[in-house]
Amino acid sequence: MGSNRVLFPAGVVGSMPRSQFVRDLLDPGRAPDDPDEFSVRMDAAVDYVLALQEAAGLDVVSDGEYRRRSYIGIIADVADGFVRERKEGLWWHTVVEPVEAKRTGLAAAEAKYLKARTGRAVKVCLPSPYLLGQRMWHPQRSIAAYPTREAFMRALVPILRAELLLLRDAGADVIQFDDPHLCLFVDPDVRGRYENPGRELDLCVDLLNQIVDGVDGPAVAVHLCRRNKGRAGWVGQGGYGPILPALLRLNVDQYVMEFTVPAAGDMDALEQIPQDRQVGLGCVDCRSPRIDPVAEIVHRVEQALEFLRPEQIVLNPDCGFAPGNAAEIPVEEAFAKLRNEADAARLLRKKYG
């Protein structure tokens, strides 16, 4: 696995803060009409955020997801069948026709670009089909294309598996499936909204396993958080215990979990993680302006070491810094947090290596 090059590798979950320059590039009303000019500008932005992560000392880097309007919106770039709308400064996608992959390999192109420019391990993310079904299927507008939300989710499986295989062939070291909605089932209020929450968890696991089964090479991860509302905090409340049985049925190498927010509960759930799997340990806050001190990050990791071996732990923030294009997190703040994360990783290597 790419994230196993060193002990306690330090990395990111995916997205990085976007400057207004990058947001304008993602705005059809402001982006250059000339595709070559757009590529030059976007490549420069990605080069910058890559250099920032390298300077911070990270071992696992991303392109900040700068080429995406949101962490889930890439599916509407890969496949036709969606209508894109802007509401209150945010991009929304709704499926209105049967989805058909027309521009495959966009995530793989992200990986290839990074692999050509860095010697660090490269992470690229994809949205899970369950999450996409929750966010992009509408009971009135989507029903002509897909009579049920589940039908839409299942239609996404072959598209996402194809993207996963292209990512593997492009040399991505870590391929992460994002599914905060799966994590929201930790919250009893969320579970109470479903007639059979257990079936929902089984469906999510089944869909992801269909995508990842039999794919060797890169480390496959699943990202679990209680949604990231930036300065407004989070959505779900509760420890990981209620969803652990489902998580353990996932055929993934790494669970990317948040632990800096009080809503995440304690780390006792880590005791049930099999020794052949890793935890992307959320040990850096990505929501508040507070910069986590190095000693505090080390302490959080050492709490996890009560349940996990050093080889099982990857350091990262709780979530991406900017999963949506409207997130207002200063890039300097993210840099300071990641630099402290990398410093903490070096201290941990000296102590436990």
Protein backbone atom coordinates (compact mmCIF):
# COMPACT_ATOMS: atom_id res chain seq x y z
CA MET A 1 0.00 0.00 0.00
CA GLY A 2 1.22 3.48 -0.82
CA SER A 3 0.46 4.77 2.67
CA ASN A 4 2.76 2.15 4.26
CA ARG A 5 6.07 3.59 3.12
CA VAL A 6 6.79 4.96 6.58
CA LEU A 7 5.48 4.48 10.08
CA PHE A 8 2.69 6.89 11.04
CA PRO A 9 2.31 8.38 7.56
CA ALA A 10 0.74 11.85 7.58
CA GLY A 11 -1.79 12.76 4.93
CA VAL A 12 -5.02 14.47 3.99
CA VAL A 13 -8.56 13.21 3.64
CA GLY A 14 -8.95 14.80 0.22
CA SER A 15 -10.06 18.37 -0.34
CA MET A 16 -8.05 21.47 0.47
CA PRO A 17 -9.29 25.07 0.83
CA ARG A 18 -9.94 26.79 -2.49
CA SER A 19 -8.93 30.39 -3.08
CA GLN A 20 -11.30 32.69 -4.94
CA PHE A 21 -9.04 32.14 -7.96
CA VAL A 22 -9.86 28.41 -7.92
CA ARG A 23 -13.56 29.03 -7.26
CA ASP A 24 -13.71 31.33 -10.27
CA LEU A 25 -12.14 28.61 -12.41
CA LEU A 26 -14.96 26.27 -11.35
CA ASP A 27 -17.64 28.88 -12.11
CA PRO A 28 -18.85 28.57 -15.74
CA GLY A 29 -19.60 32.29 -15.72
CA ARG A 30 -16.01 33.23 -14.84
CA ALA A 31 -13.85 30.41 -16.16
CA PRO A 32 -11.82 31.05 -19.33
CA ASP A 33 -13.62 30.09 -22.54
CA ASP A 34 -10.38 28.70 -23.97
CA PRO A 35 -9.89 25.15 -22.58
CA ASP A 36 -6.12 25.44 -22.95
CA GLU A 37 -6.07 28.59 -20.86
CA PHE A 38 -8.28 26.90 -18.28
CA SER A 39 -5.91 23.93 -18.07
CA VAL A 40 -2.87 26.15 -17.60
CA ARG A 41 -4.51 28.03 -14.75
CA MET A 42 -5.93 24.94 -13.05
CA ASP A 43 -2.65 23.07 -13.34
CA ALA A 44 -0.91 26.02 -11.68
CA ALA A 45 -3.42 25.92 -8.82
CA VAL A 46 -2.93 22.17 -8.34
CA ASP A 47 0.85 22.57 -8.45
CA TYR A 48 0.56 25.14 -5.66
CA VAL A 49 -1.58 23.02 -3.35
CA LEU A 50 0.66 20.01 -4.00
CA ALA A 51 3.75 22.05 -3.11
CA LEU A 52 1.97 23.26 0.02
CA GLN A 53 1.34 19.70 1.19
CA GLU A 54 4.91 18.67 0.44
CA ALA A 55 6.26 21.69 2.32
CA ALA A 56 4.06 20.79 5.29
CA GLY A 57 5.81 17.43 5.33
CA LEU A 58 2.96 15.12 4.33
CA ASP A 59 3.60 11.58 3.15
CA VAL A 60 0.22 11.14 1.40
CA VAL A 61 -0.97 13.99 -0.82
CA SER A 62 -3.94 14.88 -3.02
CA ASP A 63 -4.66 17.52 -5.64
CA GLY A 64 -6.94 19.23 -3.12
CA GLU A 65 -9.85 18.16 -5.33
CA TYR A 66 -9.39 21.53 -7.01
CA ARG A 67 -10.69 20.21 -10.33
CA ARG A 68 -14.07 19.33 -8.77
CA ARG A 69 -16.97 21.58 -7.84
CA SER A 70 -17.58 19.27 -4.90
CA TYR A 71 -16.29 15.94 -3.69
CA ILE A 72 -19.34 14.15 -5.08
CA GLY A 73 -19.88 16.29 -8.18
CA ILE A 74 -17.29 14.36 -10.17
CA ILE A 75 -19.94 11.74 -10.99
CA ALA A 76 -21.85 14.36 -13.00
CA ASP A 77 -18.63 15.14 -14.89
CA VAL A 78 -18.06 11.47 -15.68
CA ALA A 79 -21.65 10.58 -16.59
CA ASP A 80 -24.58 12.21 -18.35
CA GLY A 81 -28.06 12.15 -16.85
CA PHE A 82 -27.79 14.97 -14.31
CA VAL A 83 -29.02 18.53 -14.16
CA ARG A 84 -26.66 20.96 -12.42
CA GLU A 85 -28.03 23.95 -10.54
CA ARG A 86 -26.60 26.60 -8.27
CA LYS A 87 -28.49 27.35 -5.07
CA GLU A 88 -27.26 29.75 -2.38
CA GLY A 89 -23.73 29.61 -3.73
CA LEU A 90 -23.58 25.79 -3.83
CA TRP A 91 -23.65 23.41 -6.78
CA TRP A 92 -26.39 20.76 -6.71
CA HIS A 93 -26.83 17.81 -9.05
CA THR A 94 -30.04 15.85 -9.58
CA VAL A 95 -30.38 12.73 -11.70
CA VAL A 96 -33.15 13.21 -14.26
CA GLU A 97 -32.21 10.70 -16.99
CA PRO A 98 -30.60 7.24 -16.99
CA VAL A 99 -26.89 7.73 -16.23
CA GLU A 100 -24.39 6.93 -18.95
CA ALA A 101 -20.63 7.22 -18.56
CA LYS A 102 -19.36 9.55 -21.29
CA ARG A 103 -16.11 11.00 -19.90
CA THR A 104 -14.46 8.11 -18.09
CA GLY A 105 -11.12 8.35 -16.36
CA LEU A 106 -11.37 11.86 -14.91
CA ALA A 107 -10.22 10.67 -11.48
CA ALA A 108 -7.45 8.66 -13.13
CA ALA A 109 -6.31 11.80 -14.91
CA GLU A 110 -6.04 13.50 -11.50
CA ALA A 111 -3.84 10.63 -10.29
CA LYS A 112 -1.62 10.67 -13.39
CA TYR A 113 -1.03 14.40 -13.04
CA LEU A 114 0.04 14.01 -9.41
CA LYS A 115 2.19 10.93 -10.03
CA ALA A 116 4.16 12.92 -12.62
CA ARG A 117 4.88 15.70 -10.12
CA THR A 118 5.53 14.11 -6.74
CA GLY A 119 7.37 11.25 -5.13
CA ARG A 120 4.88 11.13 -2.27
CA ALA A 121 2.04 8.62 -2.06
CA VAL A 122 -0.98 9.88 -3.98
CA LYS A 123 -4.59 9.71 -2.77
CA VAL A 124 -7.63 10.18 -5.01
CA CYS A 125 -11.23 9.98 -3.81
CA LEU A 126 -14.49 8.75 -5.29
CA PRO A 127 -18.02 9.13 -3.88
CA SER A 128 -19.84 6.01 -2.76
CA PRO A 129 -23.01 4.98 -4.62
CA TYR A 130 -25.03 5.08 -1.42
CA LEU A 131 -24.01 8.67 -0.72
CA LEU A 132 -24.80 9.70 -4.31
CA GLY A 133 -28.22 8.13 -4.01
CA GLN A 134 -28.94 10.11 -0.87
CA ARG A 135 -27.80 13.40 -2.38
CA MET A 136 -28.74 13.22 -6.07
CA TRP A 137 -32.00 11.25 -6.33
CA HIS A 138 -35.22 13.27 -5.98
CA PRO A 139 -38.57 11.54 -5.44
CA GLN A 140 -40.32 13.70 -8.06
CA ARG A 141 -37.64 14.83 -10.50
CA SER A 142 -35.71 11.54 -10.70
CA ILE A 143 -38.51 8.99 -10.78
CA ALA A 144 -38.80 8.90 -14.58
CA ALA A 145 -35.17 7.79 -14.79
CA TYR A 146 -35.08 5.59 -11.68
CA PRO A 147 -38.26 4.55 -9.85
CA THR A 148 -36.39 4.16 -6.56
CA ARG A 149 -33.33 5.62 -4.91
CA GLU A 150 -31.84 2.13 -4.70
CA ALA A 151 -32.23 1.61 -8.44
CA PHE A 152 -30.15 4.74 -9.02
CA MET A 153 -27.51 3.56 -6.54
CA ARG A 154 -27.19 0.21 -8.29
CA ALA A 155 -26.85 1.88 -11.68
CA LEU A 156 -23.80 3.73 -10.35
CA VAL A 157 -21.90 0.59 -9.35
CA PRO A 158 -20.43 -0.31 -12.77
CA ILE A 159 -19.54 3.32 -13.44
CA LEU A 160 -17.66 3.69 -10.16
CA ARG A 161 -15.96 0.31 -10.49
CA ALA A 162 -14.68 1.33 -13.91
CA GLU A 163 -13.31 4.55 -12.40
CA LEU A 164 -11.67 2.54 -9.60
CA LEU A 165 -9.93 0.25 -12.09
CA LEU A 166 -8.69 3.22 -14.12
CA LEU A 167 -7.38 4.81 -10.92
CA ARG A 168 -5.52 1.63 -10.06
CA ASP A 169 -3.97 1.51 -13.52
CA ALA A 170 -2.98 5.18 -13.20
CA GLY A 171 -0.90 4.33 -10.14
CA ALA A 172 -2.98 5.85 -7.33
CA ASP A 173 -1.54 4.66 -4.02
CA VAL A 174 -4.69 5.23 -1.95
CA ILE A 175 -8.20 5.21 -3.41
CA GLN A 176 -10.78 6.46 -0.94
CA PHE A 177 -14.56 6.13 -1.13
CA ASP A 178 -16.32 8.96 0.70
CA ASP A 179 -19.52 8.07 2.54
CA PRO A 180 -20.43 10.42 5.39
CA HIS A 181 -24.04 9.28 5.11
CA LEU A 182 -23.01 5.78 6.13
CA CYS A 183 -21.41 7.36 9.19
CA LEU A 184 -24.58 9.32 10.03
CA PHE A 185 -26.18 6.03 11.06
CA VAL A 186 -24.22 6.38 14.30
CA ASP A 187 -26.89 8.92 15.24
CA PRO A 188 -30.09 7.45 16.75
CA ASP A 189 -32.13 10.30 15.26
CA VAL A 190 -30.89 9.39 11.77
CA ARG A 191 -31.55 5.69 12.31
CA GLY A 192 -35.06 6.61 13.44
CA ARG A 193 -35.86 8.15 10.05
CA TYR A 194 -35.62 4.74 8.35
CA GLU A 195 -38.06 1.88 8.62
CA ASN A 196 -35.16 -0.59 8.51
CA PRO A 197 -31.81 1.13 9.16
CA GLY A 198 -30.04 -2.23 9.24
CA ARG A 199 -31.06 -2.87 5.67
CA GLU A 200 -29.74 0.54 4.67
CA LEU A 201 -26.35 -0.30 6.17
CA ASP A 202 -26.34 -3.67 4.41
CA LEU A 203 -27.20 -1.98 1.12
CA CYS A 204 -24.37 0.51 1.48
CA VAL A 205 -21.87 -2.25 2.28
CA ASP A 206 -23.11 -4.47 -0.54
CA LEU A 207 -22.80 -1.68 -3.13
CA LEU A 208 -19.28 -0.74 -2.06
CA ASN A 209 -18.13 -4.34 -1.97
CA GLN A 210 -19.40 -4.88 -5.51
CA ILE A 211 -17.16 -2.00 -6.57
CA VAL A 212 -13.97 -2.92 -4.71
CA ASP A 213 -13.99 -6.73 -4.62
CA GLY A 214 -11.02 -8.29 -6.39
CA VAL A 215 -9.18 -5.01 -6.94
CA ASP A 216 -5.60 -5.43 -5.75
CA GLY A 217 -2.72 -2.97 -5.65
CA PRO A 218 -3.73 0.34 -4.12
CA ALA A 219 -4.95 0.74 -0.57
CA VAL A 220 -8.74 1.06 -0.65
CA ALA A 221 -10.20 3.28 2.06
CA VAL A 222 -13.64 4.41 3.17
CA HIS A 223 -14.06 7.85 4.72
CA LEU A 224 -16.56 8.14 7.55
CA CYS A 225 -17.49 11.46 9.16
CA ARG A 226 -20.53 13.17 10.61
CA ARG A 227 -20.59 15.62 7.71
CA ASN A 228 -18.43 18.70 7.54
CA LYS A 229 -20.25 22.02 7.78
CA GLY A 230 -17.06 24.01 8.19
CA ARG A 231 -17.32 26.65 10.88
CA ALA A 232 -20.90 25.49 11.54
CA GLY A 233 -19.59 22.15 12.79
CA TRP A 234 -21.16 18.78 11.99
CA VAL A 235 -24.52 17.02 11.64
CA GLY A 236 -24.55 13.57 13.24
CA GLN A 237 -23.83 12.67 16.87
CA GLY A 238 -22.58 9.43 18.30
CA GLY A 239 -19.69 6.98 18.48
CA TYR A 240 -18.89 4.40 15.80
CA GLY A 241 -20.24 1.42 17.74
CA PRO A 242 -23.66 1.15 16.02
CA ILE A 243 -22.13 0.89 12.54
CA LEU A 244 -19.03 -1.19 13.34
CA PRO A 245 -20.57 -4.55 12.35
CA ALA A 246 -21.34 -3.08 8.93
CA LEU A 247 -17.88 -1.53 8.61
CA LEU A 248 -16.20 -4.84 9.36
CA ARG A 249 -18.04 -6.41 6.42
CA LEU A 250 -16.55 -3.87 4.03
CA ASN A 251 -13.69 -5.24 1.94
CA VAL A 252 -11.46 -2.22 2.44
CA ASP A 253 -7.91 -1.75 3.72
CA GLN A 254 -8.45 1.42 5.71
CA TYR A 255 -11.18 3.17 7.69
CA VAL A 256 -10.79 6.96 7.69
CA MET A 257 -12.44 8.07 10.92
CA GLU A 258 -12.79 11.35 12.80
CA PHE A 259 -11.98 11.67 16.49
CA THR A 260 -11.23 15.32 17.27
CA VAL A 261 -14.87 16.42 17.52
CA PRO A 262 -16.83 15.52 20.68
CA ALA A 263 -19.64 14.11 18.52
CA ALA A 264 -17.36 11.20 17.57
CA GLY A 265 -17.27 9.73 21.05
CA ASP A 266 -14.25 7.89 22.43
CA MET A 267 -11.83 5.53 20.70
CA ASP A 268 -13.05 2.28 22.26
CA ALA A 269 -14.49 1.26 18.90
CA LEU A 270 -10.95 0.91 17.54
CA GLU A 271 -10.50 -2.22 19.64
CA GLN A 272 -12.65 -4.12 17.14
CA ILE A 273 -10.62 -3.12 14.06
CA PRO A 274 -8.88 -6.22 12.62
CA GLN A 275 -5.10 -6.16 12.76
CA ASP A 276 -4.81 -6.46 8.99
CA ARG A 277 -6.62 -3.14 8.47
CA GLN A 278 -5.54 0.43 8.96
CA VAL A 279 -7.25 3.44 10.49
CA GLY A 280 -6.89 6.87 8.96
CA LEU A 281 -7.02 8.51 12.36
CA GLY A 282 -8.72 11.88 12.46
CA CYS A 283 -6.36 13.63 14.87
CA VAL A 284 -6.48 17.18 13.46
CA ASP A 285 -9.54 19.42 13.52
CA CYS A 286 -10.62 20.62 10.07
CA ARG A 287 -13.62 22.74 11.09
CA SER A 288 -12.62 25.31 13.72
CA PRO A 289 -9.92 27.98 13.35
CA ARG A 290 -7.95 26.54 16.27
CA ILE A 291 -4.55 25.10 15.28
CA ASP A 292 -4.03 21.73 16.98
CA PRO A 293 -0.70 21.77 18.88
CA VAL A 294 1.78 19.03 17.98
CA ALA A 295 1.66 17.58 21.50
CA GLU A 296 -2.13 17.33 21.30
CA ILE A 297 -1.96 15.46 18.02
CA VAL A 298 0.62 13.07 19.47
CA HIS A 299 -1.63 12.49 22.47
CA ARG A 300 -4.59 11.61 20.26
CA VAL A 301 -2.50 9.08 18.35
CA GLU A 302 -1.21 7.58 21.57
CA GLN A 303 -4.79 7.15 22.75
CA ALA A 304 -5.42 5.14 19.58
CA LEU A 305 -2.29 3.08 20.27
CA GLU A 306 -4.11 1.60 23.24
CA PHE A 307 -6.14 -0.34 20.65
CA LEU A 308 -4.06 -0.38 17.45
CA ARG A 309 -0.52 -1.26 16.46
CA PRO A 310 1.66 1.61 15.13
CA GLU A 311 1.59 0.02 11.66
CA GLN A 312 -2.19 0.40 11.58
CA ILE A 313 -2.31 4.17 12.02
CA VAL A 314 -2.31 6.86 9.35
CA LEU A 315 -2.55 10.46 10.53
CA ASN A 316 -5.02 12.81 8.89
CA PRO A 317 -7.53 15.57 9.64
CA ASP A 318 -11.09 14.60 10.53
CA CYS A 319 -12.34 15.41 7.03
CA GLY A 320 -11.43 17.31 3.92
CA PHE A 321 -10.92 21.02 4.50
CA ALA A 322 -13.30 22.03 1.71
CA PRO A 323 -15.61 19.24 0.48
CA GLY A 324 -17.74 21.89 -1.23
CA ASN A 325 -16.55 24.79 -3.38
CA ALA A 326 -18.06 27.37 -1.03
CA ALA A 327 -16.13 26.35 2.09
CA GLU A 328 -14.53 29.33 3.82
CA ILE A 329 -11.40 27.83 5.38
CA PRO A 330 -8.18 29.85 4.86
CA VAL A 331 -5.45 27.87 3.12
CA GLU A 332 -2.88 29.24 5.60
CA GLU A 333 -4.89 27.67 8.43
CA ALA A 334 -4.89 24.30 6.69
CA PHE A 335 -1.14 24.56 6.09
CA ALA A 336 -0.43 25.24 9.77
CA LYS A 337 -2.58 22.27 10.83
CA LEU A 338 -0.97 19.90 8.34
CA ARG A 339 2.53 21.03 9.27
CA ASN A 340 1.78 20.22 12.91
CA GLU A 341 0.35 16.87 11.85
CA ALA A 342 3.56 16.02 9.99
CA ASP A 343 5.69 17.18 12.94
CA ALA A 344 3.64 14.94 15.22
CA ALA A 345 4.21 12.00 12.87
CA ARG A 346 7.97 12.53 13.04
CA LEU A 347 7.89 12.57 16.85
CA LEU A 348 5.85 9.38 16.89
CA ARG A 349 8.31 7.65 14.57
CA LYS A 350 11.20 8.53 16.87
CA LYS A 351 9.32 7.21 19.88
CA TYR A 352 7.83 4.05 18.41
CA GLY A 353 10.04 3.28 15.40
